[in-house]
Protein backbone atom coordinates (compact mmCIF):
# COMPACT_ATOMS: atom_id res chain seq x y z
CA MET A 1 -9.21 2.60 21.14
CA LYS A 2 -8.30 -0.31 18.89
CA GLN A 3 -5.66 -2.87 19.78
CA PHE A 4 -2.33 -2.43 18.05
CA GLY A 5 0.46 -4.90 17.56
CA GLY A 6 0.69 -8.63 17.08
CA LYS A 7 1.95 -10.86 14.29
CA VAL A 8 3.42 -9.12 11.26
CA LEU A 9 2.56 -9.73 7.59
CA PHE A 10 5.58 -8.90 5.41
CA LEU A 11 4.72 -7.55 1.94
CA ASP A 12 8.06 -6.82 0.31
CA ARG A 13 7.01 -4.53 -2.52
CA SER A 14 6.43 -0.84 -3.16
CA ASP A 15 3.33 0.63 -4.78
CA ILE A 16 0.77 -1.85 -3.47
CA ASN A 17 -2.43 -0.18 -4.60
CA THR A 18 -5.93 -0.14 -3.17
CA ASP A 19 -7.17 -2.55 -5.86
CA GLU A 20 -4.62 -5.07 -4.65
CA ILE A 21 -5.63 -4.46 -1.03
CA ILE A 22 -9.31 -4.97 -1.86
CA PRO A 23 -10.34 -5.49 -5.50
CA ALA A 24 -12.72 -2.93 -6.99
CA LYS A 25 -15.35 -5.59 -7.69
CA TYR A 26 -16.12 -5.58 -3.94
CA LEU A 27 -16.86 -1.83 -3.74
CA THR A 28 -20.57 -2.56 -3.86
CA GLU A 29 -20.36 -4.18 -0.42
CA ILE A 30 -21.92 -2.09 2.32
CA SER A 31 -20.48 -3.84 5.36
CA LYS A 32 -16.89 -4.18 6.41
CA GLU A 33 -17.49 -7.84 7.27
CA ALA A 34 -18.34 -8.60 3.61
CA LEU A 35 -14.82 -7.44 2.65
CA LYS A 36 -13.05 -9.77 5.06
CA PRO A 37 -12.42 -12.85 2.88
CA ASN A 38 -11.13 -10.80 -0.06
CA LEU A 39 -8.25 -8.87 1.51
CA LEU A 40 -5.16 -8.93 -0.74
CA GLU A 41 -6.64 -11.63 -3.00
CA ASP A 42 -5.25 -9.93 -6.13
CA LEU A 43 -1.79 -9.17 -4.70
CA LYS A 44 0.92 -10.91 -6.69
CA LEU A 45 4.09 -11.60 -4.71
CA PRO A 46 6.37 -14.65 -4.89
CA SER A 47 5.06 -17.42 -2.61
CA PHE A 48 2.32 -15.14 -1.19
CA ASP A 49 -1.13 -16.66 -0.68
CA ALA A 50 -3.65 -14.31 0.92
CA ARG A 51 -5.84 -17.11 2.26
CA ARG A 52 -2.86 -18.69 4.02
CA ASP A 53 -0.74 -15.66 4.95
CA VAL A 54 -3.22 -13.06 6.23
CA ALA A 55 -4.92 -15.11 8.96
CA GLY A 56 -3.83 -14.12 12.45
CA LYS A 57 -1.83 -11.08 11.37
CA ALA A 58 -2.30 -7.73 13.12
CA ALA A 59 0.20 -5.53 11.27
CA VAL A 60 1.52 -5.08 7.73
CA LEU A 61 5.16 -4.21 7.02
CA THR A 62 5.70 -3.08 3.45
CA ARG A 63 7.66 -0.67 1.28
CA ALA A 64 6.96 2.77 -0.24
CA ASN A 65 3.67 4.24 -1.48
CA PHE A 66 1.37 1.73 0.20
CA GLY A 67 -2.29 2.34 -0.59
CA CYS A 68 -1.81 4.23 -3.85
CA GLY A 69 -4.67 4.26 -6.32
CA SER A 70 -8.28 4.93 -5.42
CA SER A 71 -9.26 7.14 -2.50
CA ARG A 72 -11.94 4.79 -1.20
CA GLU A 73 -12.11 3.83 2.47
CA HIS A 74 -12.68 0.17 1.60
CA ALA A 75 -8.92 -0.57 1.65
CA PRO A 76 -8.41 0.40 5.32
CA TRP A 77 -11.75 -1.23 6.16
CA ALA A 78 -10.59 -4.53 4.63
CA LEU A 79 -7.44 -4.41 6.75
CA GLU A 80 -9.41 -3.47 9.88
CA VAL A 81 -12.03 -6.21 9.56
CA ASN A 82 -9.16 -8.71 9.30
CA GLY A 83 -7.68 -7.46 12.58
CA ILE A 84 -4.91 -5.41 10.98
CA ASN A 85 -4.90 -1.96 12.60
CA LEU A 86 -1.26 -1.08 11.93
CA ALA A 87 0.49 -0.55 8.60
CA ILE A 88 4.20 0.26 8.51
CA ALA A 89 5.84 1.57 5.34
CA GLU A 90 8.34 4.06 3.99
CA SER A 91 5.43 6.14 2.73
CA PHE A 92 1.69 5.98 2.10
CA ALA A 93 -0.58 7.46 -0.49
CA ARG A 94 -1.90 10.63 1.16
CA ILE A 95 -5.60 9.78 1.09
CA PHE A 96 -5.05 6.15 2.15
CA ARG A 97 -2.95 7.35 5.10
CA GLN A 98 -5.67 9.77 6.21
CA ASN A 99 -8.32 7.09 5.80
CA MET A 100 -6.29 4.87 8.13
CA TYR A 101 -6.35 7.56 10.82
CA ASN A 102 -10.00 8.35 10.12
CA CYS A 103 -10.67 4.71 11.01
CA GLY A 104 -8.61 4.96 14.20
CA MET A 105 -5.76 2.91 12.72
CA ILE A 106 -2.03 3.67 12.54
CA ALA A 107 -0.05 4.28 9.35
CA ALA A 108 3.53 4.46 10.66
CA GLU A 109 6.21 5.76 8.32
CA LEU A 110 9.80 4.57 8.73
CA PRO A 111 12.92 5.44 6.72
CA LYS A 112 13.97 3.03 3.96
CA ALA A 113 17.17 2.02 5.79
CA ILE A 114 15.20 0.95 8.87
CA LEU A 115 12.68 -0.97 6.74
CA ASP A 116 15.53 -2.69 4.92
CA GLY A 117 16.93 -3.80 8.28
CA LEU A 118 13.55 -5.03 9.51
CA PHE A 119 12.99 -7.06 6.34
CA SER A 120 16.52 -8.45 6.57
CA ASP A 121 16.29 -9.36 10.27
CA PHE A 122 12.67 -10.51 10.56
CA ALA A 123 11.05 -11.48 7.22
CA GLY A 124 10.39 -15.19 7.02
CA LYS A 125 10.25 -15.51 10.81
CA GLU A 126 7.24 -15.61 13.13
CA THR A 127 7.58 -11.91 13.95
CA GLY A 128 5.54 -9.82 16.33
CA VAL A 129 5.40 -6.09 16.83
CA ALA A 130 4.46 -4.28 20.03
CA VAL A 131 3.25 -0.69 19.86
CA ASP A 132 4.03 1.81 22.60
CA LEU A 133 1.69 4.66 21.72
CA GLU A 134 2.83 6.80 24.64
CA ASN A 135 6.50 6.72 23.59
CA LEU A 136 5.81 6.24 19.86
CA THR A 137 7.92 3.12 19.44
CA LEU A 138 7.46 -0.15 17.60
CA THR A 139 9.31 -3.17 19.00
CA PHE A 140 9.84 -6.12 16.68
CA SER A 141 10.67 -9.56 18.03
CA ALA A 142 11.00 -13.09 16.69
CA PRO A 143 12.48 -16.38 17.89
CA ASP A 144 16.23 -16.50 17.25
CA ALA A 145 16.38 -12.77 16.52
CA THR A 146 17.38 -9.81 18.66
CA ALA A 147 14.40 -7.57 19.40
CA ARG A 148 14.55 -4.17 17.76
CA SER A 149 12.75 -0.96 18.73
CA VAL A 150 12.22 1.91 16.32
CA ALA A 151 10.59 5.29 16.75
CA PHE A 152 7.74 6.58 14.64
CA ALA A 153 5.91 9.89 14.54
CA LEU A 154 2.29 10.94 14.93
CA SER A 155 0.90 14.44 14.80
CA ASP A 156 -1.26 15.52 17.74
CA PHE A 157 -4.36 15.19 15.54
CA GLU A 158 -3.40 11.70 14.33
CA ARG A 159 -2.85 10.63 17.92
CA ALA A 160 -6.24 12.06 18.90
CA LEU A 161 -7.94 10.12 16.08
CA VAL A 162 -6.19 6.88 17.09
CA GLU A 163 -7.02 7.33 20.77
CA ALA A 164 -10.66 8.15 19.99
CA GLY A 165 -11.05 5.15 17.68
CA GLY A 166 -11.42 7.20 14.49
CA TRP A 167 -12.90 10.39 13.10
CA VAL A 168 -16.55 9.65 13.91
CA GLU A 169 -15.75 8.87 17.55
CA PHE A 170 -13.42 11.89 17.77
CA ALA A 171 -16.11 14.21 16.39
CA ALA A 172 -18.76 12.76 18.71
CA LYS A 173 -16.58 13.64 21.72
CA LYS A 174 -15.55 17.09 20.46
CA TYR A 175 -18.68 18.53 18.86
């Protein structure tokens, strides 16, 4: 099973598409490692610099419809190879969300009001998130901020994929 939790990358925008996660010009790459330096290079957000802001992050906190666009697996792979195994959003594009679980990663959906509070309380701070997979909670903490725990949901199948490390590992154990 992958490691979950760590420093949080705040991306305060809805509709971040797969071309912004990993530009289409890199789809010819055949290894995940080749995608690593190009994660979020085309994402346009005020004061965001992918080369500076992605390093050392283990989770993404964003808004609605994260991962819309193409159905390719390269977008979750680009996150994964950069050590990001957890994405938290109000909603995800359906295929992107399933690709996250197929890779043994977590795509946690939270209501807009909770996301608004997390952005308000933690964005701009050195924030970490701890994942309690058994109790399905995310605990956010930062210096000079009160820690906050929130619940998230996983189906039994999603949990099985996460615990196995992804679809291939799950299938190898089951079939």
